[in-house]
Amino acid sequence: MNIELRLVGRLKEYRQSQEPLEVSAGVSVTQVLALIGIPDDEAGMVAVNGTSIARKDRPNQQLEEGDSMTVLAPVHGG
């Protein structure tokens, strides 16, 4: 199945392609992050179809065909 994947800011280095990402059915948010090589601590905010997914819920949040997943790096500073 295919999902849309949008990496924001410095996370763009993990995947240059704008094409949909092909993944297995039933894949979780955590599994997608691992698949493209983003360490858990580098994925700040993750949203699926515009809804933020809490870090604790990422292993259980399964994606479906055509879902859109956006990943932002954590914001540091003051």
PDB file of N, CA and C in Angstrom:
ATOM      1  N   MET A   1       0.838  -1.172   0.000  1.00  0.00           N
ATOM      2  CA  MET A   1       0.000   0.000   0.000  1.00  0.00           C
ATOM      3  C   MET A   1       0.883   1.235   0.000  1.00  0.00           C
ATOM      4  N   ASN A   2       0.313   2.363  -0.370  1.00  0.00           N
ATOM      5  CA  ASN A   2       1.064   3.615  -0.454  1.00  0.00           C
ATOM      6  C   ASN A   2       0.527   4.637   0.529  1.00  0.00           C
ATOM      7  N   ILE A   3       1.462   5.394   1.144  1.00  0.00           N
ATOM      8  CA  ILE A   3       1.104   6.513   2.001  1.00  0.00           C
ATOM      9  C   ILE A   3       1.881   7.737   1.520  1.00  0.00           C
ATOM     10  N   GLU A   4       1.324   8.901   1.781  1.00  0.00           N
ATOM     11  CA  GLU A   4       2.033  10.149   1.520  1.00  0.00           C
ATOM     12  C   GLU A   4       2.882  10.447   2.748  1.00  0.00           C
ATOM     13  N   LEU A   5       4.147  10.783   2.529  1.00  0.00           N
ATOM     14  CA  LEU A   5       5.040  11.066   3.641  1.00  0.00           C
ATOM     15  C   LEU A   5       5.659  12.437   3.437  1.00  0.00           C
ATOM     16  N   ARG A   6       5.479  13.307   4.415  1.00  0.00           N
ATOM     17  CA  ARG A   6       6.037  14.655   4.351  1.00  0.00           C
ATOM     18  C   ARG A   6       6.990  14.842   5.518  1.00  0.00           C
ATOM     19  N   LEU A   7       8.254  15.072   5.194  1.00  0.00           N
ATOM     20  CA  LEU A   7       9.264  15.330   6.213  1.00  0.00           C
ATOM     21  C   LEU A   7       9.580  16.814   6.185  1.00  0.00           C
ATOM     22  N   VAL A   8       9.589  17.444   7.341  1.00  0.00           N
ATOM     23  CA  VAL A   8       9.751  18.886   7.430  1.00  0.00           C
ATOM     24  C   VAL A   8      11.109  19.235   8.020  1.00  0.00           C
ATOM     25  N   GLY A   9      11.711  20.297   7.471  1.00  0.00           N
ATOM     26  CA  GLY A   9      12.983  20.805   7.981  1.00  0.00           C
ATOM     27  C   GLY A   9      14.128  19.840   7.755  1.00  0.00           C
ATOM     28  N   ARG A  10      14.965  19.691   8.772  1.00  0.00           N
ATOM     29  CA  ARG A  10      16.169  18.866   8.628  1.00  0.00           C
ATOM     30  C   ARG A  10      15.866  17.387   8.413  1.00  0.00           C
ATOM     31  N   LEU A  11      14.634  16.970   8.668  1.00  0.00           N
ATOM     32  CA  LEU A  11      14.281  15.566   8.459  1.00  0.00           C
ATOM     33  C   LEU A  11      14.205  15.199   6.981  1.00  0.00           C
ATOM     34  N   LYS A  12      14.172  16.197   6.107  1.00  0.00           N
ATOM     35  CA  LYS A  12      14.118  15.932   4.663  1.00  0.00           C
ATOM     36  C   LYS A  12      15.315  15.113   4.187  1.00  0.00           C
ATOM     37  N   GLU A  13      16.418  15.153   4.927  1.00  0.00           N
ATOM     38  CA  GLU A  13      17.608  14.399   4.534  1.00  0.00           C
ATOM     39  C   GLU A  13      17.384  12.886   4.569  1.00  0.00           C
ATOM     40  N   TYR A  14      16.368  12.441   5.291  1.00  0.00           N
ATOM     41  CA  TYR A  14      16.108  11.005   5.393  1.00  0.00           C
ATOM     42  C   TYR A  14      15.411  10.434   4.166  1.00  0.00           C
ATOM     43  N   ARG A  15      14.778  11.304   3.387  1.00  0.00           N
ATOM     44  CA  ARG A  15      14.102  10.821   2.175  1.00  0.00           C
ATOM     45  C   ARG A  15      13.896  11.995   1.234  1.00  0.00           C
ATOM     46  N   GLN A  16      14.564  11.959   0.089  1.00  0.00           N
ATOM     47  CA  GLN A  16      14.476  13.046  -0.864  1.00  0.00           C
ATOM     48  C   GLN A  16      13.271  12.922  -1.792  1.00  0.00           C
ATOM     49  N   SER A  17      12.760  11.738  -1.971  1.00  0.00           N
ATOM     50  CA  SER A  17      11.669  11.494  -2.915  1.00  0.00           C
ATOM     51  C   SER A  17      10.356  12.104  -2.423  1.00  0.00           C
ATOM     52  N   GLN A  18       9.593  12.652  -3.359  1.00  0.00           N
ATOM     53  CA  GLN A  18       8.261  13.172  -3.057  1.00  0.00           C
ATOM     54  C   GLN A  18       7.182  12.156  -3.437  1.00  0.00           C
ATOM     55  N   GLU A  19       7.603  11.029  -3.988  1.00  0.00           N
ATOM     56  CA  GLU A  19       6.673   9.980  -4.393  1.00  0.00           C
ATOM     57  C   GLU A  19       6.072   9.311  -3.166  1.00  0.00           C
ATOM     58  N   PRO A  20       4.870   8.748  -3.286  1.00  0.00           N
ATOM     59  CA  PRO A  20       4.296   8.005  -2.151  1.00  0.00           C
ATOM     60  C   PRO A  20       5.246   6.895  -1.693  1.00  0.00           C
ATOM     61  N   LEU A  21       5.209   6.605  -0.416  1.00  0.00           N
ATOM     62  CA  LEU A  21       6.048   5.562   0.172  1.00  0.00           C
ATOM     63  C   LEU A  21       5.263   4.266   0.188  1.00  0.00           C
ATOM     64  N   GLU A  22       5.854   3.221  -0.356  1.00  0.00           N
ATOM     65  CA  GLU A  22       5.198   1.909  -0.356  1.00  0.00           C
ATOM     66  C   GLU A  22       5.558   1.183   0.932  1.00  0.00           C
ATOM     67  N   VAL A  23       4.527   0.771   1.665  1.00  0.00           N
ATOM     68  CA  VAL A  23       4.704   0.086   2.941  1.00  0.00           C
ATOM     69  C   VAL A  23       3.769  -1.118   2.998  1.00  0.00           C
ATOM     70  N   SER A  24       4.014  -1.995   3.957  1.00  0.00           N
ATOM     71  CA  SER A  24       3.157  -3.165   4.157  1.00  0.00           C
ATOM     72  C   SER A  24       1.844  -2.753   4.809  1.00  0.00           C
ATOM     73  N   ALA A  25       0.799  -3.486   4.532  1.00  0.00           N
ATOM     74  CA  ALA A  25      -0.494  -3.240   5.167  1.00  0.00           C
ATOM     75  C   ALA A  25      -0.356  -3.395   6.670  1.00  0.00           C
ATOM     76  N   GLY A  26      -1.010  -2.527   7.421  1.00  0.00           N
ATOM     77  CA  GLY A  26      -0.990  -2.612   8.876  1.00  0.00           C
ATOM     78  C   GLY A  26       0.250  -2.034   9.528  1.00  0.00           C
ATOM     79  N   VAL A  27       1.081  -1.340   8.775  1.00  0.00           N
ATOM     80  CA  VAL A  27       2.302  -0.760   9.323  1.00  0.00           C
ATOM     81  C   VAL A  27       1.947   0.344  10.320  1.00  0.00           C
ATOM     82  N   SER A  28       2.758   0.472  11.365  1.00  0.00           N
ATOM     83  CA  SER A  28       2.514   1.503  12.379  1.00  0.00           C
ATOM     84  C   SER A  28       3.373   2.733  12.093  1.00  0.00           C
ATOM     85  N   VAL A  29       3.037   3.829  12.753  1.00  0.00           N
ATOM     86  CA  VAL A  29       3.823   5.055  12.636  1.00  0.00           C
ATOM     87  C   VAL A  29       5.271   4.779  13.030  1.00  0.00           C
ATOM     88  N   THR A  30       5.482   4.077  14.131  1.00  0.00           N
ATOM     89  CA  THR A  30       6.836   3.755  14.592  1.00  0.00           C
ATOM     90  C   THR A  30       7.598   2.948  13.538  1.00  0.00           C
ATOM     91  N   GLN A  31       6.924   2.015  12.901  1.00  0.00           N
ATOM     92  CA  GLN A  31       7.578   1.200  11.874  1.00  0.00           C
ATOM     93  C   GLN A  31       7.970   2.033  10.648  1.00  0.00           C
ATOM     94  N   VAL A  32       7.142   2.994  10.271  1.00  0.00           N
ATOM     95  CA  VAL A  32       7.491   3.869   9.141  1.00  0.00           C
ATOM     96  C   VAL A  32       8.722   4.701   9.489  1.00  0.00           C
ATOM     97  N   LEU A  33       8.765   5.250  10.684  1.00  0.00           N
ATOM     98  CA  LEU A  33       9.933   6.029  11.100  1.00  0.00           C
ATOM     99  C   LEU A  33      11.195   5.174  11.036  1.00  0.00           C
ATOM    100  N   ALA A  34      11.122   3.953  11.519  1.00  0.00           N
ATOM    101  CA  ALA A  34      12.275   3.050  11.485  1.00  0.00           C
ATOM    102  C   ALA A  34      12.644   2.698  10.042  1.00  0.00           C
ATOM    103  N   LEU A  35      11.646   2.499   9.202  1.00  0.00           N
ATOM    104  CA  LEU A  35      11.877   2.132   7.808  1.00  0.00           C
ATOM    105  C   LEU A  35      12.697   3.191   7.075  1.00  0.00           C
ATOM    106  N   ILE A  36      12.428   4.451   7.352  1.00  0.00           N
ATOM    107  CA  ILE A  36      13.171   5.503   6.654  1.00  0.00           C
ATOM    108  C   ILE A  36      14.383   5.982   7.448  1.00  0.00           C
ATOM    109  N   GLY A  37      14.592   5.393   8.638  1.00  0.00           N
ATOM    110  CA  GLY A  37      15.818   5.648   9.393  1.00  0.00           C
ATOM    111  C   GLY A  37      15.793   6.832  10.335  1.00  0.00           C
ATOM    112  N   ILE A  38      14.609   7.331  10.676  1.00  0.00           N
ATOM    113  CA  ILE A  38      14.528   8.456  11.611  1.00  0.00           C
ATOM    114  C   ILE A  38      14.524   7.911  13.040  1.00  0.00           C
ATOM    115  N   PRO A  39      15.556   8.264  13.839  1.00  0.00           N
ATOM    116  CA  PRO A  39      15.571   7.837  15.238  1.00  0.00           C
ATOM    117  C   PRO A  39      14.381   8.432  15.984  1.00  0.00           C
ATOM    118  N   ASP A  40      13.851   7.703  16.941  1.00  0.00           N
ATOM    119  CA  ASP A  40      12.656   8.120  17.670  1.00  0.00           C
ATOM    120  C   ASP A  40      12.813   9.508  18.278  1.00  0.00           C
ATOM    121  N   ASP A  41      13.997   9.825  18.795  1.00  0.00           N
ATOM    122  CA  ASP A  41      14.189  11.125  19.439  1.00  0.00           C
ATOM    123  C   ASP A  41      14.274  12.278  18.442  1.00  0.00           C
ATOM    124  N   GLU A  42      14.393  11.984  17.142  1.00  0.00           N
ATOM    125  CA  GLU A  42      14.432  13.038  16.124  1.00  0.00           C
ATOM    126  C   GLU A  42      13.060  13.316  15.529  1.00  0.00           C
ATOM    127  N   ALA A  43      12.078  12.497  15.848  1.00  0.00           N
ATOM    128  CA  ALA A  43      10.709  12.720  15.370  1.00  0.00           C
ATOM    129  C   ALA A  43       9.954  13.463  16.461  1.00  0.00           C
ATOM    130  N   GLY A  44       9.846  14.778  16.303  1.00  0.00           N
ATOM    131  CA  GLY A  44       9.151  15.586  17.296  1.00  0.00           C
ATOM    132  C   GLY A  44       7.651  15.367  17.202  1.00  0.00           C
ATOM    133  N   MET A  45       7.018  16.093  16.324  1.00  0.00           N
ATOM    134  CA  MET A  45       5.579  15.967  16.132  1.00  0.00           C
ATOM    135  C   MET A  45       5.318  15.090  14.914  1.00  0.00           C
ATOM    136  N   VAL A  46       4.408  14.147  15.073  1.00  0.00           N
ATOM    137  CA  VAL A  46       3.988  13.291  13.964  1.00  0.00           C
ATOM    138  C   VAL A  46       2.478  13.424  13.848  1.00  0.00           C
ATOM    139  N   ALA A  47       2.018  13.667  12.618  1.00  0.00           N
ATOM    140  CA  ALA A  47       0.573  13.768  12.380  1.00  0.00           C
ATOM    141  C   ALA A  47       0.182  12.794  11.277  1.00  0.00           C
ATOM    142  N   VAL A  48      -0.976  12.186  11.437  1.00  0.00           N
ATOM    143  CA  VAL A  48      -1.544  11.314  10.410  1.00  0.00           C
ATOM    144  C   VAL A  48      -2.873  11.941   9.993  1.00  0.00           C
ATOM    145  N   ASN A  49      -2.963  12.259   8.716  1.00  0.00           N
ATOM    146  CA  ASN A  49      -4.166  12.910   8.177  1.00  0.00           C
ATOM    147  C   ASN A  49      -4.530  14.161   8.966  1.00  0.00           C
ATOM    148  N   GLY A  50      -3.490  14.913   9.392  1.00  0.00           N
ATOM    149  CA  GLY A  50      -3.697  16.172  10.092  1.00  0.00           C
ATOM    150  C   GLY A  50      -3.931  16.067  11.585  1.00  0.00           C
ATOM    151  N   THR A  51      -3.938  14.866  12.131  1.00  0.00           N
ATOM    152  CA  THR A  51      -4.150  14.665  13.563  1.00  0.00           C
ATOM    153  C   THR A  51      -2.846  14.248  14.220  1.00  0.00           C
ATOM    154  N   SER A  52      -2.423  14.999  15.239  1.00  0.00           N
ATOM    155  CA  SER A  52      -1.187  14.695  15.946  1.00  0.00           C
ATOM    156  C   SER A  52      -1.298  13.350  16.668  1.00  0.00           C
ATOM    157  N   ILE A  53      -0.228  12.568  16.583  1.00  0.00           N
ATOM    158  CA  ILE A  53      -0.166  11.259  17.234  1.00  0.00           C
ATOM    159  C   ILE A  53       0.842  11.340  18.379  1.00  0.00           C
ATOM    160  N   ALA A  54       0.387  11.129  19.596  1.00  0.00           N
ATOM    161  CA  ALA A  54       1.269  11.170  20.761  1.00  0.00           C
ATOM    162  C   ALA A  54       2.356  10.100  20.636  1.00  0.00           C
ATOM    163  N   ARG A  55       3.523  10.396  21.157  1.00  0.00           N
ATOM    164  CA  ARG A  55       4.653   9.455  21.083  1.00  0.00           C
ATOM    165  C   ARG A  55       4.265   8.077  21.617  1.00  0.00           C
ATOM    166  N   LYS A  56       3.514   8.034  22.711  1.00  0.00           N
ATOM    167  CA  LYS A  56       3.123   6.750  23.314  1.00  0.00           C
ATOM    168  C   LYS A  56       2.167   5.952  22.428  1.00  0.00           C
ATOM    169  N   ASP A  57       1.469   6.629  21.517  1.00  0.00           N
ATOM    170  CA  ASP A  57       0.499   5.964  20.643  1.00  0.00           C
ATOM    171  C   ASP A  57       1.070   5.541  19.292  1.00  0.00           C
ATOM    172  N   ARG A  58       2.265   5.991  18.981  1.00  0.00           N
ATOM    173  CA  ARG A  58       2.850   5.709  17.662  1.00  0.00           C
ATOM    174  C   ARG A  58       3.014   4.227  17.341  1.00  0.00           C
ATOM    175  N   PRO A  59       3.403   3.376  18.304  1.00  0.00           N
ATOM    176  CA  PRO A  59       3.538   1.953  17.970  1.00  0.00           C
ATOM    177  C   PRO A  59       2.212   1.282  17.612  1.00  0.00           C
ATOM    178  N   ASN A  60       1.103   1.822  18.111  1.00  0.00           N
ATOM    179  CA  ASN A  60      -0.201   1.207  17.882  1.00  0.00           C
ATOM    180  C   ASN A  60      -1.017   1.879  16.787  1.00  0.00           C
ATOM    181  N   GLN A  61      -0.560   3.047  16.314  1.00  0.00           N
ATOM    182  CA  GLN A  61      -1.302   3.768  15.279  1.00  0.00           C
ATOM    183  C   GLN A  61      -0.975   3.172  13.912  1.00  0.00           C
ATOM    184  N   GLN A  62      -1.906   2.391  13.377  1.00  0.00           N
ATOM    185  CA  GLN A  62      -1.691   1.768  12.075  1.00  0.00           C
ATOM    186  C   GLN A  62      -2.113   2.711  10.958  1.00  0.00           C
ATOM    187  N   LEU A  63      -1.386   2.631   9.867  1.00  0.00           N
ATOM    188  CA  LEU A  63      -1.684   3.448   8.696  1.00  0.00           C
ATOM    189  C   LEU A  63      -2.482   2.647   7.689  1.00  0.00           C
ATOM    190  N   GLU A  64      -3.259   3.358   6.889  1.00  0.00           N
ATOM    191  CA  GLU A  64      -4.077   2.737   5.856  1.00  0.00           C
ATOM    192  C   GLU A  64      -3.711   3.320   4.499  1.00  0.00           C
ATOM    193  N   GLU A  65      -4.078   2.626   3.456  1.00  0.00           N
ATOM    194  CA  GLU A  65      -3.833   3.071   2.087  1.00  0.00           C
ATOM    195  C   GLU A  65      -4.264   4.525   1.922  1.00  0.00           C
ATOM    196  N   GLY A  66      -3.350   5.337   1.388  1.00  0.00           N
ATOM    197  CA  GLY A  66      -3.657   6.727   1.086  1.00  0.00           C
ATOM    198  C   GLY A  66      -3.512   7.694   2.248  1.00  0.00           C
ATOM    199  N   ASP A  67      -3.164   7.190   3.449  1.00  0.00           N
ATOM    200  CA  ASP A  67      -2.961   8.090   4.581  1.00  0.00           C
ATOM    201  C   ASP A  67      -1.826   9.052   4.294  1.00  0.00           C
ATOM    202  N   SER A  68      -1.861  10.186   4.962  1.00  0.00           N
ATOM    203  CA  SER A  68      -0.811  11.188   4.875  1.00  0.00           C
ATOM    204  C   SER A  68      -0.163  11.304   6.237  1.00  0.00           C
ATOM    205  N   MET A  69       1.176  11.187   6.274  1.00  0.00           N
ATOM    206  CA  MET A  69       1.923  11.257   7.524  1.00  0.00           C
ATOM    207  C   MET A  69       2.940  12.385   7.413  1.00  0.00           C
ATOM    208  N   THR A  70       2.913  13.312   8.386  1.00  0.00           N
ATOM    209  CA  THR A  70       3.840  14.431   8.425  1.00  0.00           C
ATOM    210  C   THR A  70       4.704  14.302   9.668  1.00  0.00           C
ATOM    211  N   VAL A  71       6.020  14.516   9.499  1.00  0.00           N
ATOM    212  CA  VAL A  71       6.956  14.385  10.624  1.00  0.00           C
ATOM    213  C   VAL A  71       7.777  15.663  10.721  1.00  0.00           C
ATOM    214  N   LEU A  72       7.771  16.266  11.901  1.00  0.00           N
ATOM    215  CA  LEU A  72       8.557  17.464  12.177  1.00  0.00           C
ATOM    216  C   LEU A  72       9.614  17.153  13.210  1.00  0.00           C
ATOM    217  N   ALA A  73      10.783  17.768  13.076  1.00  0.00           N
ATOM    218  CA  ALA A  73      11.835  17.616  14.062  1.00  0.00           C
ATOM    219  C   ALA A  73      11.434  18.359  15.334  1.00  0.00           C
ATOM    220  N   PRO A  74      11.960  17.917  16.489  1.00  0.00           N
ATOM    221  CA  PRO A  74      11.663  18.638  17.732  1.00  0.00           C
ATOM    222  C   PRO A  74      12.211  20.066  17.665  1.00  0.00           C
ATOM    223  N   VAL A  75      11.526  20.972  18.317  1.00  0.00           N
ATOM    224  CA  VAL A  75      11.967  22.371  18.356  1.00  0.00           C
ATOM    225  C   VAL A  75      12.753  22.582  19.646  1.00  0.00           C
ATOM    226  N   HIS A  76      13.935  23.154  19.500  1.00  0.00           N
ATOM    227  CA  HIS A  76      14.791  23.431  20.654  1.00  0.00           C
ATOM    228  C   HIS A  76      15.029  24.930  20.727  1.00  0.00           C
ATOM    229  N   GLY A  77      15.366  25.385  21.897  1.00  0.00           N
ATOM    230  CA  GLY A  77      15.700  26.800  22.042  1.00  0.00           C
ATOM    231  C   GLY A  77      14.761  27.479  23.003  1.00  0.00           C
ATOM    232  N   GLY A  78      14.882  28.776  23.045  1.00  0.00           N
ATOM    233  CA  GLY A  78      14.070  29.482  24.023  1.00  0.00           C
ATOM    234  C   GLY A  78      13.647  30.818  23.593  1.00  0.00           C
TER     235      GLY A  78
END
